[in-house]
Amino acid sequence: MYRSNYLAGKFVSKKYPIVFSFHPKKNTMTQQNKTCLVCNQSQQQIPLINLAYQNGDLWICPQHLPVLIHNPQMLTGKLPGAEGMKPADHND
């Protein structure tokens, strides 16, 4: 499980050096550089998909998009509210 801290208005990941600024009053989150919220690769290294969330922008690479879809709880500490998100329901 990935651990993170909430320090001085910032989420800091222990696994990956990702820093999110979270503004509770505005209910927004911005990422200081366009990097994947899971692996921290930049848009210069890999294509990134933009996610609008809580009036802010997040970025995720195609490799980690399945984590958001199938196991969003793994993003706990990286994505506020991830612990309450449910995986996609597959009724194929």
Protein backbone atom coordinates (compact mmCIF):
# COMPACT_ATOMS: atom_id res chain seq x y z
CA MET A 1 0.00 0.00 0.00
CA TYR A 2 1.24 3.46 -0.84
CA ARG A 3 1.50 5.94 1.97
CA SER A 4 1.27 9.68 1.74
CA ASN A 5 1.28 12.64 4.03
CA TYR A 6 -0.75 15.81 4.06
CA LEU A 7 1.74 18.55 4.85
CA ALA A 8 1.07 22.27 4.74
CA GLY A 9 -1.70 21.93 2.16
CA LYS A 10 0.20 19.45 0.01
CA PHE A 11 -0.15 15.72 -0.57
CA VAL A 12 3.30 14.15 -0.72
CA SER A 13 3.65 10.56 -1.89
CA LYS A 14 6.21 8.33 -0.18
CA LYS A 15 6.39 5.94 -3.16
CA TYR A 16 6.69 8.56 -5.91
CA PRO A 17 7.87 12.15 -5.54
CA ILE A 18 4.52 13.69 -6.42
CA VAL A 19 3.33 16.91 -4.87
CA PHE A 20 -0.29 18.00 -5.16
CA SER A 21 -1.48 21.35 -3.92
CA PHE A 22 -4.93 21.02 -2.39
CA HIS A 23 -7.01 24.07 -1.62
CA PRO A 24 -9.85 22.99 0.72
CA LYS A 25 -11.61 26.37 0.57
CA LYS A 26 -11.76 26.31 -3.20
CA ASN A 27 -12.18 22.52 -3.25
CA THR A 28 -9.56 22.31 -6.00
CA MET A 29 -6.43 20.35 -6.55
CA THR A 30 -3.69 21.25 -8.99
CA GLN A 31 -0.58 19.37 -9.86
CA GLN A 32 2.43 21.60 -10.21
CA ASN A 33 3.81 19.83 -13.30
CA LYS A 34 1.97 17.76 -15.83
CA THR A 35 2.99 14.32 -14.61
CA CYS A 36 1.20 11.01 -14.13
CA LEU A 37 -0.31 10.90 -10.65
CA VAL A 38 0.92 7.29 -10.27
CA CYS A 39 4.40 7.04 -11.84
CA ASN A 40 5.32 10.73 -12.06
CA GLN A 41 6.37 10.51 -15.73
CA SER A 42 6.06 13.86 -17.48
CA GLN A 43 4.33 14.74 -20.71
CA GLN A 44 7.81 14.87 -22.24
CA GLN A 45 8.29 11.15 -21.48
CA ILE A 46 4.85 9.67 -22.12
CA PRO A 47 1.41 10.76 -23.37
CA LEU A 48 -0.81 11.94 -20.54
CA ILE A 49 -4.60 11.95 -20.19
CA ASN A 50 -6.15 14.95 -18.48
CA LEU A 51 -8.71 14.31 -15.73
CA ALA A 52 -10.95 17.07 -14.41
CA TYR A 53 -11.52 16.40 -10.70
CA GLN A 54 -12.73 18.62 -7.87
CA ASN A 55 -12.47 21.73 -10.08
CA GLY A 56 -8.81 20.94 -10.82
CA ASP A 57 -6.73 19.04 -13.34
CA LEU A 58 -4.94 15.75 -12.82
CA TRP A 59 -2.89 13.75 -15.28
CA ILE A 60 -2.54 9.99 -15.73
CA CYS A 61 -0.59 7.95 -18.27
CA PRO A 62 -2.26 5.25 -20.38
CA GLN A 63 -0.39 2.55 -18.45
CA HIS A 64 -2.02 3.58 -15.17
CA LEU A 65 -5.51 4.45 -16.42
CA PRO A 66 -6.62 0.83 -15.70
CA VAL A 67 -5.70 1.38 -12.03
CA LEU A 68 -8.17 4.27 -11.88
CA ILE A 69 -10.84 2.19 -13.62
CA HIS A 70 -10.37 -1.24 -12.03
CA ASN A 71 -8.75 -0.57 -8.65
CA PRO A 72 -9.11 3.11 -7.68
CA GLN A 73 -8.46 2.34 -4.00
CA MET A 74 -4.78 1.91 -4.95
CA LEU A 75 -4.73 5.67 -5.53
CA THR A 76 -5.50 6.40 -1.88
CA GLY A 77 -3.11 9.11 -0.78
CA LYS A 78 -2.59 10.26 -4.34
CA LEU A 79 -6.16 11.12 -5.24
CA PRO A 80 -8.44 12.60 -2.56
CA GLY A 81 -11.50 10.41 -2.10
CA ALA A 82 -9.98 7.40 -3.88
CA GLU A 83 -10.65 5.20 -0.86
CA GLY A 84 -14.38 5.66 -1.44
CA MET A 85 -14.34 5.08 -5.19
CA LYS A 86 -15.73 1.83 -6.53
CA PRO A 87 -14.12 -0.16 -9.32
CA ALA A 88 -15.89 -0.49 -12.65
CA ASP A 89 -18.66 -3.08 -12.63
CA HIS A 90 -18.10 -5.63 -15.38
CA ASN A 91 -21.25 -7.40 -16.46
CA ASP A 92 -19.88 -8.83 -19.68
